[in-house]
Amino acid sequence: MESIKSYKKELIIIGICGLLIGLFGALLVKFGNPKNMGFCIACFIRDTAGGLGLHTAAKVQYIRPEIIGLILGAFGISFIRKEFKPRGGSSPITRFVISFFVMVGCLMFLGCPLRMTLRIAGGDLNAIVGLVGFVAGILVGIVFLKRGFSLKRAYPQAPVEGGTMPAIQIVLLILLLAAPAFIYFSTEGPGASHAPIIISLCAGLIVGGMAQVSRLCMVGGIRDFVLFREKKLLFGFIILLAAAFIVNLCLGNFNPGFADQPVAHSDGLWNFMGMLLVGYGSVLLGGCPLRQLILSGEGNSDSAVTVLGLLVGAAFCHNFGLASSPDGVTFAGKIGVIIGLCVITVIALAYTKKNRV
């Protein structure tokens, strides 16, 4: 009986988290964020990289307060709940490489798993193609998990190690507010479309705190359902999708179809391939980009390295022409996705074989 009550409590918390993300994901668009991009971990890390001058794509340069809020929200709640536990040392360089290519996949598709869900809620049918690829990638990763793949355990670390990523967010917030000359701000394009800082930051803080409590993760939801028939985490994303869909309908932001979708392209093959790479890499990392942000806020330095891999990957994609645009995909981006799939497969084979010894 106690276990049933506990399960229901977890389900309610996950449902509330999904509801809040869906609501904020749609409402942030109303307040100024790009359409179907109320929350996008990949896009916002890319914009932040541009804001710091790590790439020179003028249309996507803005330090996103949502990312700052997500990490600080997770940090604050984990500290209050005594779940802030600095730890790391689980193949950090390998995680960096995998996350680098996860970002390549995200920028091929133009969105992370969270934005994929919000795009579906906005009527973007290209995102359904992406979802099929995402699930396929997770299924490939699960094959290696079943065969013993592991990046090994993490170990306790000093508090300063776990607190570094939250501290960096405070510095970024100061830079955003102070706006010194060396920080870049887009004057057009997606980077110039943003909600007021206080609204974006508060949305990030609330979602970050709730995601820490609920441990919401789309990759984890699909993985757990396939491996254990556990539906809790998937329930959260169903609620998220429904909430965003209803708000989009009310605001007139539901536009079903493949063509003319905001900040998206309609190349089905590469929408599929991009999210295949994202799902494949994320399941090996142990969580989607959103989950990695939350874990970095909890003191997990391996997840902090993963977030840095996403940041560098975003900068690389825009500096070397791998990122897609509404005009379509690039040849360099296609090569990048293929290389990413090959590299991640080599890593998966190496760590599976290693664990069998």
Foldseek 3Di string as FASTA:
>chain_A
DVVVVVVVVLLVLLQVLLLLLLQQQQVFVVQWAFFLPSDFLLLQLLQCLVQLVLAPPQQRHANFLLLLQLLQLLLVLCVVVVLQFAKEDLQLVVLLLLLLLLSLLCLLFVGFPSSLLSLVLQAAVLSVLLVVLLLLLLVVLVVLVVLPFGSDDIGTDDPCLLCVVNVVSVVSVVCNVVVDPSGHAHPDHSRPTGGPSVSSNVSSSVSSNSCSVSVAFPLVQSSCCVPPVDHSNVSSSVSSSVSNNVSCVVVVSRDHDNPPRTFGARPSVSSSLSSSSNNNSQVSVVGTLSSLSSVSSSNYNSSVSSSVSSSSSSSVCNRPVLGATRVHGDPNSVVSSVVSVVVSVVVSVVSSVVRVD
